[in-house]
C-alpha atoms as a PDB file:
ATOM      1  CA  MET A   1     193.075 -62.998  81.712  1.00  0.00           C
ATOM      2  CA  GLN A   2     192.148 -61.116  78.562  1.00  0.00           C
ATOM      3  CA  GLU A   3     189.590 -58.322  78.601  1.00  0.00           C
ATOM      4  CA  THR A   4     187.127 -60.299  76.485  1.00  0.00           C
ATOM      5  CA  ASP A   5     187.383 -63.232  78.889  1.00  0.00           C
ATOM      6  CA  VAL A   6     186.583 -60.978  81.837  1.00  0.00           C
ATOM      7  CA  ALA A   7     183.351 -59.821  80.203  1.00  0.00           C
ATOM      8  CA  LYS A   8     182.468 -63.367  79.171  1.00  0.00           C
ATOM      9  CA  GLN A   9     183.111 -64.904  82.595  1.00  0.00           C
ATOM     10  CA  ALA A  10     181.749 -62.109  84.787  1.00  0.00           C
ATOM     11  CA  PHE A  11     178.641 -63.069  86.734  1.00  0.00           C
ATOM     12  CA  ALA A  12     179.179 -62.135  90.385  1.00  0.00           C
ATOM     13  CA  MET A  13     182.021 -61.408  92.754  1.00  0.00           C
ATOM     14  CA  PRO A  14     184.658 -62.722  93.172  1.00  0.00           C
ATOM     15  CA  LEU A  15     185.246 -63.180  89.443  1.00  0.00           C
ATOM     16  CA  ALA A  16     187.107 -66.502  89.688  1.00  0.00           C
ATOM     17  CA  HIS A  17     184.734 -68.096  92.209  1.00  0.00           C
ATOM     18  CA  PRO A  18     181.410 -66.231  92.657  1.00  0.00           C
ATOM     19  CA  ALA A  19     179.831 -66.346  96.108  1.00  0.00           C
ATOM     20  CA  TYR A  20     176.720 -68.039  94.667  1.00  0.00           C
ATOM     21  CA  PRO A  21     175.674 -69.883  91.477  1.00  0.00           C
ATOM     22  CA  ARG A  22     173.378 -68.611  88.739  1.00  0.00           C
ATOM     23  CA  GLY A  23     169.643 -68.915  89.355  1.00  0.00           C
ATOM     24  CA  PRO A  24     166.828 -69.700  89.342  1.00  0.00           C
ATOM     25  CA  TYR A  25     166.827 -71.206  92.823  1.00  0.00           C
ATOM     26  CA  ARG A  26     164.626 -74.066  94.021  1.00  0.00           C
ATOM     27  CA  PHE A  27     163.640 -74.440  97.697  1.00  0.00           C
ATOM     28  CA  VAL A  28     162.384 -77.763  99.072  1.00  0.00           C
ATOM     29  CA  ASN A  29     160.545 -77.991 102.412  1.00  0.00           C
ATOM     30  CA  ARG A  30     160.788 -74.247 102.919  1.00  0.00           C
ATOM     31  CA  GLU A  31     159.002 -73.503 106.192  1.00  0.00           C
ATOM     32  CA  PHE A  32     157.337 -70.165 106.972  1.00  0.00           C
ATOM     33  CA  PHE A  33     156.104 -68.858 110.323  1.00  0.00           C
ATOM     34  CA  VAL A  34     154.410 -65.517 109.673  1.00  0.00           C
ATOM     35  CA  ILE A  35     152.791 -63.288 112.282  1.00  0.00           C
ATOM     36  CA  THR A  36     150.603 -60.455 110.993  1.00  0.00           C
ATOM     37  CA  TYR A  37     150.279 -57.446 113.288  1.00  0.00           C
ATOM     38  CA  ARG A  38     148.943 -53.910 113.258  1.00  0.00           C
ATOM     39  CA  THR A  39     151.358 -51.005 113.549  1.00  0.00           C
ATOM     40  CA  ASP A  40     151.500 -47.201 113.430  1.00  0.00           C
ATOM     41  CA  PRO A  41     150.246 -46.315 109.900  1.00  0.00           C
ATOM     42  CA  ALA A  42     152.250 -43.068 109.757  1.00  0.00           C
ATOM     43  CA  ARG A  43     155.491 -44.917 110.475  1.00  0.00           C
ATOM     44  CA  LEU A  44     154.565 -47.537 107.914  1.00  0.00           C
ATOM     45  CA  ARG A  45     153.927 -44.974 105.178  1.00  0.00           C
ATOM     46  CA  ALA A  46     157.311 -43.374 105.909  1.00  0.00           C
ATOM     47  CA  LEU A  47     159.101 -46.650 105.092  1.00  0.00           C
ATOM     48  CA  VAL A  48     157.240 -47.608 101.894  1.00  0.00           C
ATOM     49  CA  PRO A  49     158.777 -45.954  98.796  1.00  0.00           C
ATOM     50  CA  GLU A  50     156.608 -44.536  96.041  1.00  0.00           C
ATOM     51  CA  PRO A  51     155.268 -45.617  93.625  1.00  0.00           C
ATOM     52  CA  LEU A  52     154.295 -48.372  96.101  1.00  0.00           C
ATOM     53  CA  GLN A  53     151.485 -47.605  98.528  1.00  0.00           C
ATOM     54  CA  SER A  54     150.957 -49.337 101.857  1.00  0.00           C
ATOM     55  CA  LEU A  55     147.759 -51.362 101.683  1.00  0.00           C
ATOM     56  CA  ASP A  56     146.695 -50.924 105.317  1.00  0.00           C
ATOM     57  CA  ASP A  57     148.313 -50.737 108.767  1.00  0.00           C
ATOM     58  CA  THR A  58     149.580 -54.338 108.912  1.00  0.00           C
ATOM     59  CA  VAL A  59     153.072 -55.838 108.882  1.00  0.00           C
ATOM     60  CA  LYS A  60     154.086 -59.477 108.501  1.00  0.00           C
ATOM     61  CA  PHE A  61     156.984 -60.642 110.671  1.00  0.00           C
ATOM     62  CA  GLU A  62     158.497 -63.777 109.162  1.00  0.00           C
ATOM     63  CA  PHE A  63     160.657 -66.586 110.513  1.00  0.00           C
ATOM     64  CA  ILE A  64     161.779 -68.939 107.723  1.00  0.00           C
ATOM     65  CA  SER A  65     163.733 -72.201 107.643  1.00  0.00           C
ATOM     66  CA  MET A  66     165.260 -73.285 104.319  1.00  0.00           C
ATOM     67  CA  PRO A  67     166.827 -76.747 104.743  1.00  0.00           C
ATOM     68  CA  ASP A  68     167.306 -77.486 101.013  1.00  0.00           C
ATOM     69  CA  SER A  69     167.957 -74.566  98.659  1.00  0.00           C
ATOM     70  CA  THR A  70     169.791 -74.615  95.336  1.00  0.00           C
ATOM     71  CA  GLY A  71     173.312 -73.272  95.747  1.00  0.00           C
ATOM     72  CA  PHE A  72     172.587 -71.773  99.158  1.00  0.00           C
ATOM     73  CA  GLY A  73     172.362 -74.900 101.306  1.00  0.00           C
ATOM     74  CA  HIS A  74     170.594 -74.802 104.682  1.00  0.00           C
ATOM     75  CA  TYR A  75     169.914 -71.457 106.324  1.00  0.00           C
ATOM     76  CA  HIS A  76     167.372 -69.393 108.273  1.00  0.00           C
ATOM     77  CA  GLU A  77     165.897 -65.969 107.636  1.00  0.00           C
ATOM     78  CA  SER A  78     163.689 -63.462 109.441  1.00  0.00           C
ATOM     79  CA  GLY A  79     162.300 -60.011 108.718  1.00  0.00           C
ATOM     80  CA  GLN A  80     159.424 -57.628 108.109  1.00  0.00           C
ATOM     81  CA  VAL A  81     157.204 -57.632 105.021  1.00  0.00           C
ATOM     82  CA  VAL A  82     154.497 -55.084 104.239  1.00  0.00           C
ATOM     83  CA  PRO A  83     151.329 -55.556 102.142  1.00  0.00           C
ATOM     84  CA  VAL A  84     151.342 -52.903  99.393  1.00  0.00           C
ATOM     85  CA  THR A  85     149.764 -51.984  96.087  1.00  0.00           C
ATOM     86  CA  TYR A  86     151.566 -51.125  92.849  1.00  0.00           C
ATOM     87  CA  LYS A  87     149.454 -49.503  90.142  1.00  0.00           C
ATOM     88  CA  GLY A  88     146.391 -50.644  92.057  1.00  0.00           C
ATOM     89  CA  LYS A  89     147.443 -54.312  92.272  1.00  0.00           C
ATOM     90  CA  PRO A  90     148.242 -56.013  95.601  1.00  0.00           C
ATOM     91  CA  GLY A  91     151.723 -57.235  96.457  1.00  0.00           C
ATOM     92  CA  THR A  92     154.321 -57.223  99.229  1.00  0.00           C
ATOM     93  CA  TYR A  93     157.380 -55.088  99.995  1.00  0.00           C
ATOM     94  CA  GLN A  94     160.389 -56.263 101.996  1.00  0.00           C
ATOM     95  CA  ILE A  95     161.362 -53.795 104.743  1.00  0.00           C
ATOM     96  CA  ALA A  96     164.207 -55.712 106.416  1.00  0.00           C
ATOM     97  CA  MET A  97     165.698 -59.219 106.370  1.00  0.00           C
ATOM     98  CA  PHE A  98     168.214 -60.987 108.616  1.00  0.00           C
ATOM     99  CA  LEU A  99     169.897 -64.311 107.832  1.00  0.00           C
ATOM    100  CA  ASP A 100     172.759 -66.583 108.819  1.00  0.00           C
ATOM    101  CA  ASP A 101     174.428 -67.543 105.513  1.00  0.00           C
ATOM    102  CA  GLU A 102     176.777 -65.498 103.324  1.00  0.00           C
ATOM    103  CA  ALA A 103     175.814 -66.950  99.906  1.00  0.00           C
ATOM    104  CA  PRO A 104     172.086 -66.041  99.980  1.00  0.00           C
ATOM    105  CA  LEU A 105     172.931 -62.724 101.648  1.00  0.00           C
ATOM    106  CA  ALA A 106     175.254 -61.753  98.775  1.00  0.00           C
ATOM    107  CA  GLY A 107     173.046 -63.216  96.046  1.00  0.00           C
ATOM    108  CA  GLY A 108     169.852 -61.742  97.438  1.00  0.00           C
ATOM    109  CA  ARG A 109     171.312 -58.240  97.658  1.00  0.00           C
ATOM    110  CA  GLU A 110     173.188 -58.249  94.353  1.00  0.00           C
ATOM    111  CA  ILE A 111     170.613 -59.895  92.052  1.00  0.00           C
ATOM    112  CA  TRP A 112     167.251 -58.691  93.370  1.00  0.00           C
ATOM    113  CA  GLY A 113     168.015 -56.092  96.035  1.00  0.00           C
ATOM    114  CA  PHE A 114     166.744 -58.002  99.060  1.00  0.00           C
ATOM    115  CA  PRO A 115     167.449 -55.833 102.162  1.00  0.00           C
ATOM    116  CA  LYS A 116     169.518 -58.565 103.800  1.00  0.00           C
ATOM    117  CA  THR A 117     171.997 -58.292 106.641  1.00  0.00           C
ATOM    118  CA  MET A 118     173.580 -60.820 108.971  1.00  0.00           C
ATOM    119  CA  GLY A 119     171.644 -62.020 111.979  1.00  0.00           C
ATOM    120  CA  LYS A 120     170.810 -65.230 113.812  1.00  0.00           C
ATOM    121  CA  PRO A 121     167.216 -66.327 113.205  1.00  0.00           C
ATOM    122  CA  THR A 122     165.843 -69.682 114.353  1.00  0.00           C
ATOM    123  CA  LEU A 123     162.610 -71.597 113.800  1.00  0.00           C
ATOM    124  CA  ARG A 124     161.772 -74.715 115.760  1.00  0.00           C
ATOM    125  CA  VAL A 125     159.092 -76.569 117.699  1.00  0.00           C
ATOM    126  CA  GLU A 126     159.326 -76.467 121.492  1.00  0.00           C
ATOM    127  CA  LYS A 127     156.867 -79.076 122.771  1.00  0.00           C
ATOM    128  CA  ASP A 128     153.422 -77.565 121.958  1.00  0.00           C
ATOM    129  CA  THR A 129     154.775 -74.253 120.610  1.00  0.00           C
ATOM    130  CA  LEU A 130     156.147 -73.085 117.268  1.00  0.00           C
ATOM    131  CA  LEU A 131     158.983 -70.740 118.233  1.00  0.00           C
ATOM    132  CA  GLY A 132     160.757 -68.169 116.058  1.00  0.00           C
ATOM    133  CA  THR A 133     163.601 -66.029 117.372  1.00  0.00           C
ATOM    134  CA  LEU A 134     165.902 -63.389 115.894  1.00  0.00           C
ATOM    135  CA  ASP A 135     169.185 -62.245 117.425  1.00  0.00           C
ATOM    136  CA  TYR A 136     171.443 -59.449 116.178  1.00  0.00           C
ATOM    137  CA  GLY A 137     174.831 -60.312 117.596  1.00  0.00           C
ATOM    138  CA  PRO A 138     174.189 -61.282 121.241  1.00  0.00           C
ATOM    139  CA  VAL A 139     170.969 -59.244 121.472  1.00  0.00           C
ATOM    140  CA  ARG A 140     167.505 -60.819 121.082  1.00  0.00           C
ATOM    141  CA  ILE A 141     165.406 -58.467 118.918  1.00  0.00           C
ATOM    142  CA  ALA A 142     162.351 -60.616 118.104  1.00  0.00           C
ATOM    143  CA  THR A 143     160.457 -63.558 119.567  1.00  0.00           C
ATOM    144  CA  GLY A 144     157.380 -65.086 117.949  1.00  0.00           C
ATOM    145  CA  THR A 145     155.277 -67.934 119.304  1.00  0.00           C
ATOM    146  CA  MET A 146     152.244 -69.846 118.017  1.00  0.00           C
ATOM    147  CA  GLY A 147     150.286 -72.854 119.174  1.00  0.00           C
ATOM    148  CA  PHE A 148     151.568 -75.740 117.039  1.00  0.00           C
ATOM    149  CA  LYS A 149     149.125 -76.787 114.272  1.00  0.00           C
ATOM    150  CA  HIS A 150     145.979 -75.803 116.152  1.00  0.00           C
ATOM    151  CA  LYS A 151     143.923 -75.398 112.969  1.00  0.00           C
ATOM    152  CA  ALA A 152     144.528 -76.636 109.416  1.00  0.00           C
ATOM    153  CA  LEU A 153     144.098 -74.018 106.686  1.00  0.00           C
ATOM    154  CA  ASP A 154     142.913 -74.250 103.088  1.00  0.00           C
ATOM    155  CA  VAL A 155     146.142 -74.841 101.133  1.00  0.00           C
ATOM    156  CA  ASP A 156     144.671 -73.383  97.935  1.00  0.00           C
ATOM    157  CA  ALA A 157     143.867 -70.124  99.699  1.00  0.00           C
ATOM    158  CA  VAL A 158     147.359 -70.012 101.202  1.00  0.00           C
ATOM    159  CA  ARG A 159     148.942 -70.715  97.810  1.00  0.00           C
ATOM    160  CA  LYS A 160     146.974 -67.827  96.323  1.00  0.00           C
ATOM    161  CA  SER A 161     148.141 -65.475  99.100  1.00  0.00           C
ATOM    162  CA  LEU A 162     151.773 -66.400  98.350  1.00  0.00           C
ATOM    163  CA  SER A 163     151.353 -65.863  94.604  1.00  0.00           C
ATOM    164  CA  VAL A 164     151.092 -62.058  94.612  1.00  0.00           C
ATOM    165  CA  PRO A 165     154.007 -60.012  93.182  1.00  0.00           C
ATOM    166  CA  ASN A 166     156.793 -59.070  95.579  1.00  0.00           C
ATOM    167  CA  TYR A 167     158.777 -55.812  95.486  1.00  0.00           C
ATOM    168  CA  LEU A 168     162.262 -54.768  96.564  1.00  0.00           C
ATOM    169  CA  LEU A 169     164.266 -51.555  96.463  1.00  0.00           C
ATOM    170  CA  LYS A 170     167.602 -52.418  94.831  1.00  0.00           C
ATOM    171  CA  ILE A 171     170.384 -49.914  95.549  1.00  0.00           C
ATOM    172  CA  ILE A 172     173.934 -50.338  94.204  1.00  0.00           C
ATOM    173  CA  PRO A 173     176.397 -47.495  94.868  1.00  0.00           C
ATOM    174  CA  HIS A 174     178.887 -46.046  92.384  1.00  0.00           C
ATOM    175  CA  VAL A 175     182.583 -45.883  93.329  1.00  0.00           C
ATOM    176  CA  ASP A 176     182.036 -42.304  94.542  1.00  0.00           C
ATOM    177  CA  CYS A 177     179.155 -43.486  96.794  1.00  0.00           C
ATOM    178  CA  THR A 178     176.457 -41.931  94.630  1.00  0.00           C
ATOM    179  CA  PRO A 179     173.699 -44.358  93.585  1.00  0.00           C
ATOM    180  CA  ARG A 180     174.523 -46.179  90.352  1.00  0.00           C
ATOM    181  CA  ILE A 181     171.427 -48.399  90.490  1.00  0.00           C
ATOM    182  CA  CYS A 182     168.230 -47.451  92.289  1.00  0.00           C
ATOM    183  CA  GLU A 183     165.347 -49.609  91.088  1.00  0.00           C
ATOM    184  CA  LEU A 184     162.081 -51.071  92.247  1.00  0.00           C
ATOM    185  CA  VAL A 185     162.415 -54.788  91.460  1.00  0.00           C
ATOM    186  CA  GLU A 186     159.467 -57.158  91.101  1.00  0.00           C
ATOM    187  CA  TYR A 187     159.745 -60.927  91.522  1.00  0.00           C
ATOM    188  CA  ASP A 188     157.461 -63.941  91.895  1.00  0.00           C
ATOM    189  CA  LEU A 189     157.444 -67.286  93.673  1.00  0.00           C
ATOM    190  CA  ASP A 190     157.084 -69.908  90.934  1.00  0.00           C
ATOM    191  CA  ASP A 191     156.165 -73.627  90.845  1.00  0.00           C
ATOM    192  CA  LEU A 192     154.664 -73.162  94.281  1.00  0.00           C
ATOM    193  CA  VAL A 193     153.528 -76.273  96.160  1.00  0.00           C
ATOM    194  CA  VAL A 194     151.894 -75.819  99.575  1.00  0.00           C
ATOM    195  CA  LYS A 195     152.343 -79.071 101.496  1.00  0.00           C
ATOM    196  CA  GLY A 196     150.514 -77.925 104.609  1.00  0.00           C
ATOM    197  CA  ALA A 197     149.305 -74.794 106.381  1.00  0.00           C
ATOM    198  CA  TRP A 198     148.134 -74.179 109.929  1.00  0.00           C
ATOM    199  CA  SER A 199     147.145 -71.355 112.289  1.00  0.00           C
ATOM    200  CA  GLY A 200     146.958 -70.930 116.036  1.00  0.00           C
ATOM    201  CA  PRO A 201     147.087 -68.382 118.849  1.00  0.00           C
ATOM    202  CA  ALA A 202     150.193 -66.213 118.481  1.00  0.00           C
ATOM    203  CA  ALA A 203     152.309 -63.561 120.156  1.00  0.00           C
ATOM    204  CA  LEU A 204     155.158 -61.347 118.940  1.00  0.00           C
ATOM    205  CA  GLU A 205     157.670 -59.339 120.967  1.00  0.00           C
ATOM    206  CA  LEU A 206     160.155 -56.879 119.400  1.00  0.00           C
ATOM    207  CA  HIS A 207     163.136 -55.220 121.092  1.00  0.00           C
ATOM    208  CA  GLN A 208     165.029 -52.051 120.231  1.00  0.00           C
ATOM    209  CA  HIS A 209     168.453 -52.160 118.590  1.00  0.00           C
ATOM    210  CA  ALA A 210     170.348 -49.252 117.044  1.00  0.00           C
ATOM    211  CA  LEU A 211     171.450 -51.253 113.976  1.00  0.00           C
ATOM    212  CA  ALA A 212     168.399 -53.498 113.604  1.00  0.00           C
ATOM    213  CA  PRO A 213     165.429 -51.139 114.100  1.00  0.00           C
ATOM    214  CA  VAL A 214     162.572 -53.653 113.917  1.00  0.00           C
ATOM    215  CA  THR A 215     160.710 -51.563 116.505  1.00  0.00           C
ATOM    216  CA  ASP A 216     160.361 -48.735 113.968  1.00  0.00           C
ATOM    217  CA  LEU A 217     157.164 -50.651 113.156  1.00  0.00           C
ATOM    218  CA  PRO A 218     155.882 -51.354 116.686  1.00  0.00           C
ATOM    219  CA  VAL A 219     153.441 -54.136 117.518  1.00  0.00           C
ATOM    220  CA  LEU A 220     150.071 -52.635 118.401  1.00  0.00           C
ATOM    221  CA  GLU A 221     147.972 -55.780 117.965  1.00  0.00           C
ATOM    222  CA  VAL A 222     148.614 -59.307 116.683  1.00  0.00           C
ATOM    223  CA  VAL A 223     146.060 -60.091 113.981  1.00  0.00           C
ATOM    224  CA  SER A 224     146.870 -63.660 112.927  1.00  0.00           C
ATOM    225  CA  ALA A 225     149.621 -66.208 112.383  1.00  0.00           C
ATOM    226  CA  VAL A 226     150.295 -68.982 109.872  1.00  0.00           C
ATOM    227  CA  HIS A 227     152.727 -71.867 109.660  1.00  0.00           C
ATOM    228  CA  VAL A 228     153.310 -73.056 106.082  1.00  0.00           C
ATOM    229  CA  LEU A 229     155.413 -75.831 104.531  1.00  0.00           C
ATOM    230  CA  THR A 230     156.217 -75.337 100.832  1.00  0.00           C
ATOM    231  CA  ASP A 231     158.337 -76.150  97.813  1.00  0.00           C
ATOM    232  CA  LEU A 232     158.956 -73.195  95.511  1.00  0.00           C
ATOM    233  CA  THR A 233     161.255 -71.564  92.994  1.00  0.00           C
ATOM    234  CA  LEU A 234     162.510 -68.041  93.617  1.00  0.00           C
ATOM    235  CA  GLY A 235     161.928 -66.377  90.271  1.00  0.00           C
ATOM    236  CA  LEU A 236     164.476 -63.984  88.786  1.00  0.00           C
ATOM    237  CA  GLY A 237     163.472 -60.349  88.977  1.00  0.00           C
ATOM    238  CA  ARG A 238     162.401 -57.607  86.591  1.00  0.00           C
ATOM    239  CA  VAL A 239     162.695 -53.850  86.940  1.00  0.00           C
ATOM    240  CA  ALA A 240     159.309 -52.278  87.709  1.00  0.00           C
ATOM    241  CA  HIS A 241     160.537 -48.693  88.210  1.00  0.00           C
ATOM    242  CA  ASP A 242     163.882 -46.934  87.707  1.00  0.00           C
ATOM    243  CA  TYR A 243     164.362 -44.043  90.150  1.00  0.00           C
ATOM    244  CA  LEU A 244     167.378 -42.730  88.221  1.00  0.00           C
ATOM    245  CA  ALA A 245     165.836 -42.762  84.747  1.00  0.00           C
ATOM    246  CA  ARG A 246     165.979 -39.344  83.123  1.00  0.00           C
ATOM    247  CA  PRO A 247     162.658 -37.952  81.887  1.00  0.00           C
ATOM    248  CA  ARG A 248     162.330 -38.005  78.122  1.00  0.00           C
ATOM    249  CA  ALA A 249     162.774 -34.730  76.310  1.00  0.00           C
ATOM    250  CA  ARG A 250     159.618 -33.422  74.674  1.00  0.00           C
END
C-alpha cells in the first residue's frame, strides 16, 4: 500500500478493517434507567476536571440497553454521570462507563474520549421491578432497582433534560506514554425522540472493586429515578478545551 493510500484510507484501527464504522450513530429504542443520588461533595469535586465545575452533590448512575445501534449492534452500558457547568452553562460529565461490546468501546474511546472499559451490565424487568446490574468480571459492583412504571413523566421535560451538552476528557497517549491528546470534548444527543418516561421508588447499592472504583462516589441518599425509552443520534464531538495548548506569546 502506497503512503498516499494509507493517509486516504486511514479512519480507525485496524487500517484494513476498522473496529467500527464512521458516524454519526443512530440508536433506536435506547432504554435508560437512571438513579440520581447524593454523594460526598469533596470526593465529587476531586473527580471533575477544570474548567468544568460540579453543579451540586449529585451523581447519576445509569443502566442502558441499546438493542438497535448503527454499526454497534445490540449492547448494554452502565456508569456514573455528574451534573456540571461549563462557562456557567449546565451539562453533564462522564466519570466512568462499563459495557459489553468491543466496537462501541473502541469507537467511544477513540472518537470522543468516553471513559469506557469492559464490564457486564444488564437491564431488565423482573416482575414488578426494573432491575439494573453491573458486574466487573465475576464481581457484582452495582445493583439498581425501581418500581416498574409507577408514575408517567412529562416527556417534553425529560427531552429537555437530555438535551444539555455532555462533556468527556479525551486522553490519547504518545508512543513514549506522554499525553499526545488531552482535550475536553463536548457532544450532543441529536434528533431526540422520547417515547415514554416513568419514575418510581428506587434503590442503589454499590460495591468496592480495586479496578472499578464506583464507590469513590458513595451513595449517601437516593434522590430520584427515571426510566426512559428513546430514539436518538449520538452527535460527533467538538473540542471545548485543549489542556496541552501552549499559551500564545505576547
